[in-house]
Amino acid sequence: MTVHDARGPVDDVDVAILDDLARIHDLLDPVPPGLAERSLFAMTLAALETEVMELAEVVTDPAGVRSAEPVPARTVTFTSAATTVMITFQASGPSVVRLDGWVAPVGEGVDVELHSTDGVVPGRADEDGRFAFPQVAHGPVSLVVRPVGGAAMSTPVVEV
């Protein structure tokens, strides 16, 4: 097989060399696992035109301050000018966690979306502002909070 372009012919020897270079590149600098999914997740979040909530508080076990291993946060609070969201999570299986949350103020209702590398899971806060996602895979997650009649807000990404 010979392909002609502006630089001259590309023959089977050139194709074999290029294939070898591609294999060497894949061996020495492979694409990190999950990069495509994480990139799509990041682009989806960036595309949302929402008010971004800020991380207000991370509650950890004080005993973990002196340990060599980090102690993961189990409770995280996010705030914005109009809304506060607190989430807690705990293991509910070998590769999943249960995420419980509370949003205030509740008003006429609040829709809550869980965004992860697995996709978007819709939810709704009850009249007390409570919501739950019982089967969340470990990894990066973010919430989009949509109060009825108000502006949507997005939390920063956290690892669960």
N, C-alpha and C. Protein backbone atom coordinates (compact mmCIF):
# COMPACT_ATOMS: atom_id res chain seq x y z
N MET A 1 0.85 -1.17 0.00
CA MET A 1 0.00 0.00 0.00
C MET A 1 0.90 1.23 0.00
N THR A 2 0.62 2.18 -0.88
CA THR A 2 1.35 3.43 -0.94
C THR A 2 0.34 4.56 -0.95
N VAL A 3 0.52 5.52 -0.04
CA VAL A 3 -0.34 6.69 0.04
C VAL A 3 0.50 7.89 -0.31
N HIS A 4 0.02 8.78 -1.16
CA HIS A 4 0.75 9.97 -1.56
C HIS A 4 0.15 11.18 -0.86
N ASP A 5 1.02 12.05 -0.38
CA ASP A 5 0.57 13.33 0.15
C ASP A 5 1.58 14.38 -0.28
N ALA A 6 1.47 15.59 0.26
CA ALA A 6 2.34 16.70 -0.16
C ALA A 6 3.81 16.43 0.13
N ARG A 7 4.11 15.55 1.08
CA ARG A 7 5.51 15.28 1.45
C ARG A 7 6.09 14.08 0.70
N GLY A 8 5.30 13.42 -0.11
CA GLY A 8 5.79 12.26 -0.83
C GLY A 8 5.02 11.02 -0.45
N PRO A 9 5.45 9.85 -0.97
CA PRO A 9 4.72 8.62 -0.69
C PRO A 9 4.96 8.10 0.73
N VAL A 10 3.91 7.52 1.30
CA VAL A 10 4.00 6.82 2.58
C VAL A 10 3.74 5.36 2.26
N ASP A 11 4.74 4.51 2.50
CA ASP A 11 4.59 3.11 2.14
C ASP A 11 4.40 2.24 3.38
N ASP A 12 4.39 0.93 3.17
CA ASP A 12 4.16 -0.01 4.27
C ASP A 12 5.24 0.07 5.34
N VAL A 13 6.48 0.38 4.96
CA VAL A 13 7.57 0.52 5.94
C VAL A 13 7.29 1.71 6.84
N ASP A 14 6.84 2.83 6.25
CA ASP A 14 6.49 4.02 7.06
C ASP A 14 5.34 3.70 8.02
N VAL A 15 4.33 3.00 7.54
CA VAL A 15 3.19 2.64 8.37
C VAL A 15 3.64 1.75 9.52
N ALA A 16 4.53 0.79 9.26
CA ALA A 16 5.03 -0.10 10.31
C ALA A 16 5.82 0.69 11.36
N ILE A 17 6.63 1.65 10.91
CA ILE A 17 7.39 2.49 11.85
C ILE A 17 6.43 3.31 12.71
N LEU A 18 5.43 3.89 12.08
CA LEU A 18 4.45 4.68 12.85
C LEU A 18 3.68 3.81 13.85
N ASP A 19 3.34 2.57 13.46
CA ASP A 19 2.68 1.65 14.38
C ASP A 19 3.59 1.32 15.57
N ASP A 20 4.88 1.10 15.31
CA ASP A 20 5.83 0.84 16.39
C ASP A 20 5.93 2.03 17.33
N LEU A 21 6.00 3.24 16.77
CA LEU A 21 6.07 4.45 17.60
C LEU A 21 4.81 4.59 18.47
N ALA A 22 3.66 4.27 17.91
CA ALA A 22 2.41 4.35 18.68
C ALA A 22 2.43 3.36 19.84
N ARG A 23 2.91 2.13 19.60
CA ARG A 23 3.00 1.12 20.67
C ARG A 23 3.98 1.56 21.76
N ILE A 24 5.12 2.12 21.36
CA ILE A 24 6.12 2.61 22.34
C ILE A 24 5.51 3.73 23.17
N HIS A 25 4.81 4.64 22.51
CA HIS A 25 4.17 5.75 23.23
C HIS A 25 3.15 5.23 24.23
N ASP A 26 2.34 4.25 23.83
CA ASP A 26 1.35 3.67 24.75
C ASP A 26 2.00 2.98 25.94
N LEU A 27 3.18 2.38 25.73
CA LEU A 27 3.89 1.72 26.83
C LEU A 27 4.51 2.73 27.79
N LEU A 28 5.13 3.78 27.24
CA LEU A 28 5.85 4.74 28.08
C LEU A 28 4.96 5.82 28.69
N ASP A 29 3.88 6.17 28.03
CA ASP A 29 3.01 7.23 28.52
C ASP A 29 1.55 6.90 28.20
N PRO A 30 1.00 5.87 28.88
CA PRO A 30 -0.37 5.47 28.56
C PRO A 30 -1.39 6.51 29.03
N VAL A 31 -2.55 6.48 28.42
CA VAL A 31 -3.65 7.34 28.84
C VAL A 31 -4.11 6.86 30.22
N PRO A 32 -4.20 7.76 31.20
CA PRO A 32 -4.63 7.33 32.54
C PRO A 32 -6.02 6.71 32.50
N PRO A 33 -6.27 5.71 33.34
CA PRO A 33 -7.59 5.08 33.37
C PRO A 33 -8.65 6.11 33.78
N GLY A 34 -9.76 6.09 33.08
CA GLY A 34 -10.86 6.98 33.42
C GLY A 34 -10.71 8.41 32.96
N LEU A 35 -9.64 8.73 32.20
CA LEU A 35 -9.41 10.11 31.79
C LEU A 35 -10.55 10.64 30.93
N ALA A 36 -11.02 9.85 29.99
CA ALA A 36 -12.10 10.31 29.12
C ALA A 36 -13.36 10.60 29.92
N GLU A 37 -13.72 9.70 30.85
CA GLU A 37 -14.92 9.90 31.67
C GLU A 37 -14.77 11.13 32.56
N ARG A 38 -13.60 11.30 33.19
CA ARG A 38 -13.39 12.47 34.06
C ARG A 38 -13.42 13.75 33.25
N SER A 39 -12.87 13.72 32.04
CA SER A 39 -12.88 14.91 31.20
C SER A 39 -14.30 15.30 30.81
N LEU A 40 -15.10 14.29 30.42
CA LEU A 40 -16.49 14.58 30.07
C LEU A 40 -17.26 15.10 31.28
N PHE A 41 -17.00 14.54 32.45
CA PHE A 41 -17.64 15.00 33.68
C PHE A 41 -17.28 16.45 33.94
N ALA A 42 -16.00 16.81 33.81
CA ALA A 42 -15.56 18.18 34.05
C ALA A 42 -16.17 19.14 33.04
N MET A 43 -16.25 18.72 31.79
CA MET A 43 -16.85 19.60 30.78
C MET A 43 -18.34 19.79 31.01
N THR A 44 -19.03 18.75 31.48
CA THR A 44 -20.45 18.88 31.79
C THR A 44 -20.65 19.89 32.90
N LEU A 45 -19.85 19.79 33.94
CA LEU A 45 -19.97 20.74 35.04
C LEU A 45 -19.63 22.16 34.61
N ALA A 46 -18.61 22.30 33.77
CA ALA A 46 -18.21 23.63 33.31
C ALA A 46 -19.30 24.25 32.44
N ALA A 47 -20.06 23.41 31.74
CA ALA A 47 -21.10 23.91 30.85
C ALA A 47 -22.34 24.39 31.60
N LEU A 48 -22.49 23.94 32.83
CA LEU A 48 -23.65 24.37 33.60
C LEU A 48 -23.53 25.85 33.94
N GLU A 49 -24.54 26.60 33.62
CA GLU A 49 -24.52 28.01 33.97
C GLU A 49 -25.23 28.18 35.30
N THR A 50 -24.48 27.94 36.36
CA THR A 50 -25.05 27.98 37.69
C THR A 50 -24.16 28.79 38.61
N GLU A 51 -24.73 29.17 39.72
CA GLU A 51 -23.95 29.80 40.78
C GLU A 51 -23.18 28.68 41.48
N VAL A 52 -21.90 28.84 41.65
CA VAL A 52 -21.10 27.81 42.28
C VAL A 52 -21.07 28.05 43.79
N MET A 53 -21.45 27.04 44.52
CA MET A 53 -21.42 27.12 45.97
C MET A 53 -19.98 26.92 46.43
N GLU A 54 -19.66 27.42 47.59
CA GLU A 54 -18.30 27.24 48.10
C GLU A 54 -18.31 26.28 49.27
N LEU A 55 -17.20 25.60 49.45
CA LEU A 55 -17.03 24.68 50.55
C LEU A 55 -16.94 25.49 51.84
N ALA A 56 -17.84 25.23 52.77
CA ALA A 56 -17.87 26.02 53.99
C ALA A 56 -17.17 25.32 55.14
N GLU A 57 -17.28 24.00 55.19
CA GLU A 57 -16.78 23.30 56.37
C GLU A 57 -16.52 21.85 56.02
N VAL A 58 -15.45 21.31 56.52
CA VAL A 58 -15.18 19.89 56.41
C VAL A 58 -14.99 19.37 57.82
N VAL A 59 -15.80 18.41 58.20
CA VAL A 59 -15.71 17.85 59.54
C VAL A 59 -14.99 16.51 59.43
N THR A 60 -13.88 16.38 60.13
CA THR A 60 -13.14 15.12 60.13
C THR A 60 -12.93 14.68 61.57
N ASP A 61 -12.42 13.52 61.72
CA ASP A 61 -12.09 12.98 63.03
C ASP A 61 -10.83 13.69 63.53
N PRO A 62 -10.89 14.42 64.66
CA PRO A 62 -9.71 15.14 65.13
C PRO A 62 -8.52 14.22 65.39
N ALA A 63 -8.77 12.97 65.68
CA ALA A 63 -7.67 12.04 65.92
C ALA A 63 -6.85 11.83 64.65
N GLY A 64 -7.47 12.06 63.48
CA GLY A 64 -6.77 11.88 62.22
C GLY A 64 -5.73 12.93 61.93
N VAL A 65 -5.72 14.02 62.68
CA VAL A 65 -4.76 15.10 62.44
C VAL A 65 -3.34 14.61 62.63
N ARG A 66 -3.10 13.74 63.58
CA ARG A 66 -1.74 13.27 63.87
C ARG A 66 -1.40 11.95 63.20
N SER A 67 -2.35 11.34 62.53
CA SER A 67 -2.07 10.04 61.92
C SER A 67 -1.33 10.22 60.60
N ALA A 68 -0.65 9.17 60.19
CA ALA A 68 0.10 9.20 58.93
C ALA A 68 -0.86 9.14 57.75
N GLU A 69 -1.97 8.45 57.90
CA GLU A 69 -2.94 8.30 56.82
C GLU A 69 -4.01 9.38 56.95
N PRO A 70 -4.44 9.97 55.82
CA PRO A 70 -5.52 10.96 55.90
C PRO A 70 -6.83 10.31 56.31
N VAL A 71 -7.63 11.04 57.07
CA VAL A 71 -8.94 10.56 57.48
C VAL A 71 -9.96 11.26 56.58
N PRO A 72 -10.74 10.51 55.82
CA PRO A 72 -11.66 11.16 54.90
C PRO A 72 -12.79 11.88 55.65
N ALA A 73 -13.22 13.00 55.07
CA ALA A 73 -14.35 13.74 55.63
C ALA A 73 -15.61 12.91 55.43
N ARG A 74 -16.49 12.96 56.38
CA ARG A 74 -17.76 12.26 56.26
C ARG A 74 -18.92 13.24 56.19
N THR A 75 -18.67 14.50 56.54
CA THR A 75 -19.68 15.55 56.48
C THR A 75 -19.06 16.76 55.81
N VAL A 76 -19.77 17.29 54.81
CA VAL A 76 -19.29 18.47 54.09
C VAL A 76 -20.45 19.44 53.96
N THR A 77 -20.19 20.73 54.18
CA THR A 77 -21.21 21.76 54.04
C THR A 77 -20.79 22.74 52.96
N PHE A 78 -21.73 23.08 52.09
CA PHE A 78 -21.52 24.05 51.02
C PHE A 78 -22.48 25.22 51.26
N THR A 79 -22.03 26.44 50.96
CA THR A 79 -22.91 27.59 51.11
C THR A 79 -22.82 28.49 49.89
N SER A 80 -23.91 29.20 49.66
CA SER A 80 -23.94 30.27 48.67
C SER A 80 -24.73 31.39 49.31
N ALA A 81 -24.94 32.48 48.60
CA ALA A 81 -25.69 33.60 49.16
C ALA A 81 -27.11 33.20 49.53
N ALA A 82 -27.69 32.25 48.80
CA ALA A 82 -29.10 31.92 49.01
C ALA A 82 -29.35 30.55 49.62
N THR A 83 -28.38 29.64 49.56
CA THR A 83 -28.65 28.25 49.92
C THR A 83 -27.48 27.63 50.67
N THR A 84 -27.80 26.72 51.58
CA THR A 84 -26.80 25.90 52.27
C THR A 84 -27.13 24.44 52.04
N VAL A 85 -26.11 23.64 51.73
CA VAL A 85 -26.28 22.21 51.52
C VAL A 85 -25.26 21.49 52.39
N MET A 86 -25.72 20.52 53.17
CA MET A 86 -24.82 19.67 53.96
C MET A 86 -25.01 18.24 53.48
N ILE A 87 -23.90 17.54 53.26
CA ILE A 87 -23.98 16.14 52.88
C ILE A 87 -23.14 15.29 53.82
N THR A 88 -23.60 14.08 54.04
CA THR A 88 -22.82 13.08 54.76
C THR A 88 -22.80 11.83 53.90
N PHE A 89 -21.74 11.06 54.04
CA PHE A 89 -21.69 9.81 53.29
C PHE A 89 -21.00 8.75 54.12
N GLN A 90 -21.45 7.52 53.88
CA GLN A 90 -20.85 6.37 54.57
C GLN A 90 -20.92 5.17 53.65
N ALA A 91 -19.98 4.26 53.81
CA ALA A 91 -19.92 3.07 52.97
C ALA A 91 -21.19 2.25 53.15
N SER A 92 -21.74 1.80 52.02
CA SER A 92 -22.91 0.93 52.09
C SER A 92 -22.67 -0.36 51.31
N GLY A 93 -21.46 -0.55 50.86
CA GLY A 93 -21.07 -1.74 50.12
C GLY A 93 -19.60 -1.64 49.77
N PRO A 94 -19.05 -2.63 49.09
CA PRO A 94 -17.62 -2.62 48.80
C PRO A 94 -17.18 -1.48 47.89
N SER A 95 -18.03 -1.01 47.00
CA SER A 95 -17.61 0.05 46.09
C SER A 95 -18.64 1.18 45.99
N VAL A 96 -19.55 1.24 46.94
CA VAL A 96 -20.57 2.29 46.92
C VAL A 96 -20.73 2.92 48.30
N VAL A 97 -21.24 4.15 48.29
CA VAL A 97 -21.54 4.86 49.52
C VAL A 97 -22.98 5.33 49.48
N ARG A 98 -23.52 5.61 50.64
CA ARG A 98 -24.83 6.24 50.76
C ARG A 98 -24.57 7.71 51.03
N LEU A 99 -25.19 8.58 50.23
CA LEU A 99 -25.04 10.01 50.40
C LEU A 99 -26.37 10.57 50.89
N ASP A 100 -26.37 11.14 52.10
CA ASP A 100 -27.54 11.80 52.66
C ASP A 100 -27.26 13.28 52.69
N GLY A 101 -28.29 14.09 52.42
CA GLY A 101 -28.07 15.52 52.40
C GLY A 101 -29.27 16.30 52.90
N TRP A 102 -29.01 17.56 53.22
CA TRP A 102 -30.03 18.49 53.68
C TRP A 102 -29.78 19.82 53.00
N VAL A 103 -30.83 20.45 52.53
CA VAL A 103 -30.73 21.74 51.87
C VAL A 103 -31.64 22.73 52.59
N ALA A 104 -31.18 23.98 52.72
CA ALA A 104 -31.98 25.02 53.36
C ALA A 104 -31.74 26.33 52.62
N PRO A 105 -32.72 27.14 52.46
CA PRO A 105 -34.13 26.92 52.79
C PRO A 105 -34.79 26.02 51.75
N VAL A 106 -35.88 25.38 52.15
CA VAL A 106 -36.58 24.45 51.26
C VAL A 106 -37.59 25.19 50.38
N GLY A 107 -38.35 26.12 50.96
CA GLY A 107 -39.33 26.87 50.18
C GLY A 107 -40.37 25.96 49.56
N GLU A 108 -40.66 26.17 48.28
CA GLU A 108 -41.70 25.40 47.59
C GLU A 108 -41.19 24.07 47.05
N GLY A 109 -39.94 23.78 47.24
CA GLY A 109 -39.38 22.52 46.76
C GLY A 109 -38.01 22.73 46.16
N VAL A 110 -37.20 21.69 46.21
CA VAL A 110 -35.84 21.76 45.69
C VAL A 110 -35.52 20.45 44.97
N ASP A 111 -35.13 20.56 43.71
CA ASP A 111 -34.63 19.41 42.98
C ASP A 111 -33.12 19.33 43.21
N VAL A 112 -32.62 18.12 43.36
CA VAL A 112 -31.19 17.91 43.59
C VAL A 112 -30.72 16.86 42.59
N GLU A 113 -29.69 17.20 41.83
CA GLU A 113 -29.10 16.25 40.88
C GLU A 113 -27.73 15.84 41.37
N LEU A 114 -27.44 14.55 41.32
CA LEU A 114 -26.12 14.02 41.64
C LEU A 114 -25.40 13.80 40.32
N HIS A 115 -24.27 14.48 40.13
CA HIS A 115 -23.46 14.33 38.92
C HIS A 115 -22.21 13.53 39.28
N SER A 116 -21.95 12.48 38.51
CA SER A 116 -20.76 11.66 38.73
C SER A 116 -20.27 11.16 37.38
N THR A 117 -19.19 10.42 37.39
CA THR A 117 -18.68 9.87 36.13
C THR A 117 -19.65 8.84 35.56
N ASP A 118 -20.60 8.34 36.38
CA ASP A 118 -21.61 7.40 35.89
C ASP A 118 -22.79 8.11 35.24
N GLY A 119 -22.87 9.44 35.38
CA GLY A 119 -23.99 10.19 34.79
C GLY A 119 -24.67 11.07 35.82
N VAL A 120 -25.92 11.40 35.54
CA VAL A 120 -26.70 12.29 36.39
C VAL A 120 -27.86 11.50 36.98
N VAL A 121 -28.04 11.62 38.32
CA VAL A 121 -29.14 10.97 39.01
C VAL A 121 -30.02 12.07 39.60
N PRO A 122 -31.29 12.15 39.15
CA PRO A 122 -32.17 13.19 39.70
C PRO A 122 -32.70 12.81 41.08
N GLY A 123 -32.98 13.82 41.88
CA GLY A 123 -33.55 13.61 43.21
C GLY A 123 -34.35 14.83 43.61
N ARG A 124 -35.01 14.76 44.74
CA ARG A 124 -35.81 15.88 45.23
C ARG A 124 -35.75 15.89 46.75
N ALA A 125 -35.58 17.07 47.31
CA ALA A 125 -35.58 17.22 48.77
C ALA A 125 -37.02 17.15 49.27
N ASP A 126 -37.20 16.54 50.44
CA ASP A 126 -38.54 16.49 51.02
C ASP A 126 -38.88 17.82 51.68
N GLU A 127 -40.03 17.91 52.35
CA GLU A 127 -40.47 19.17 52.95
C GLU A 127 -39.54 19.67 54.04
N ASP A 128 -38.69 18.79 54.60
CA ASP A 128 -37.71 19.19 55.60
C ASP A 128 -36.34 19.50 54.99
N GLY A 129 -36.22 19.36 53.67
CA GLY A 129 -34.96 19.64 53.00
C GLY A 129 -34.04 18.44 52.88
N ARG A 130 -34.52 17.27 53.28
CA ARG A 130 -33.69 16.07 53.26
C ARG A 130 -33.75 15.39 51.90
N PHE A 131 -32.60 14.88 51.43
CA PHE A 131 -32.54 14.07 50.22
C PHE A 131 -31.50 12.98 50.42
N ALA A 132 -31.56 11.94 49.60
CA ALA A 132 -30.62 10.82 49.74
C ALA A 132 -30.38 10.17 48.39
N PHE A 133 -29.15 9.69 48.22
CA PHE A 133 -28.76 8.88 47.08
C PHE A 133 -28.11 7.63 47.69
N PRO A 134 -28.84 6.51 47.74
CA PRO A 134 -28.36 5.34 48.49
C PRO A 134 -27.24 4.54 47.85
N GLN A 135 -27.05 4.64 46.55
CA GLN A 135 -26.03 3.82 45.86
C GLN A 135 -25.16 4.72 44.98
N VAL A 136 -24.13 5.32 45.56
CA VAL A 136 -23.23 6.20 44.83
C VAL A 136 -21.87 5.51 44.72
N ALA A 137 -21.39 5.36 43.49
CA ALA A 137 -20.09 4.72 43.28
C ALA A 137 -18.98 5.63 43.78
N HIS A 138 -17.92 5.03 44.33
CA HIS A 138 -16.76 5.81 44.76
C HIS A 138 -16.24 6.62 43.58
N GLY A 139 -15.82 7.85 43.86
CA GLY A 139 -15.27 8.70 42.81
C GLY A 139 -15.73 10.13 42.98
N PRO A 140 -15.45 10.96 41.98
CA PRO A 140 -15.83 12.38 42.07
C PRO A 140 -17.33 12.58 41.87
N VAL A 141 -17.93 13.40 42.71
CA VAL A 141 -19.35 13.74 42.59
C VAL A 141 -19.54 15.23 42.83
N SER A 142 -20.63 15.73 42.31
CA SER A 142 -21.04 17.10 42.52
C SER A 142 -22.55 17.12 42.55
N LEU A 143 -23.12 18.11 43.24
CA LEU A 143 -24.57 18.26 43.28
C LEU A 143 -24.96 19.55 42.56
N VAL A 144 -26.08 19.51 41.87
CA VAL A 144 -26.71 20.71 41.34
C VAL A 144 -28.04 20.83 42.06
N VAL A 145 -28.22 21.96 42.74
CA VAL A 145 -29.41 22.22 43.54
C VAL A 145 -30.26 23.23 42.78
N ARG A 146 -31.53 22.88 42.54
CA ARG A 146 -32.43 23.74 41.78
C ARG A 146 -33.68 24.06 42.59
N PRO A 147 -33.66 25.17 43.36
CA PRO A 147 -34.86 25.56 44.08
C PRO A 147 -35.95 25.99 43.10
N VAL A 148 -37.21 25.65 43.39
CA VAL A 148 -38.32 26.06 42.54
C VAL A 148 -38.37 27.59 42.53
N GLY A 149 -38.33 28.17 41.36
CA GLY A 149 -38.38 29.62 41.22
C GLY A 149 -37.08 30.33 41.52
N GLY A 150 -35.99 29.59 41.78
CA GLY A 150 -34.71 30.21 42.09
C GLY A 150 -33.64 29.78 41.12
N ALA A 151 -32.47 30.36 41.28
CA ALA A 151 -31.33 30.02 40.42
C ALA A 151 -30.70 28.71 40.86
N ALA A 152 -30.22 27.93 39.89
CA ALA A 152 -29.54 26.68 40.19
C ALA A 152 -28.17 26.97 40.75
N MET A 153 -27.71 26.09 41.65
CA MET A 153 -26.39 26.20 42.25
C MET A 153 -25.67 24.87 42.11
N SER A 154 -24.36 24.91 41.95
CA SER A 154 -23.56 23.70 41.82
C SER A 154 -22.51 23.67 42.92
N THR A 155 -22.35 22.51 43.54
CA THR A 155 -21.31 22.36 44.55
C THR A 155 -19.98 22.04 43.87
N PRO A 156 -18.87 22.31 44.54
CA PRO A 156 -17.59 21.82 44.02
C PRO A 156 -17.58 20.29 43.99
N VAL A 157 -16.69 19.73 43.23
CA VAL A 157 -16.55 18.29 43.14
C VAL A 157 -15.87 17.77 44.40
N VAL A 158 -16.42 16.69 44.98
CA VAL A 158 -15.81 16.01 46.12
C VAL A 158 -15.65 14.54 45.79
N GLU A 159 -14.69 13.89 46.41
CA GLU A 159 -14.48 12.45 46.25
C GLU A 159 -15.26 11.72 47.33
N VAL A 160 -16.03 10.72 46.93
CA VAL A 160 -16.74 9.89 47.92
C VAL A 160 -16.29 8.46 47.79
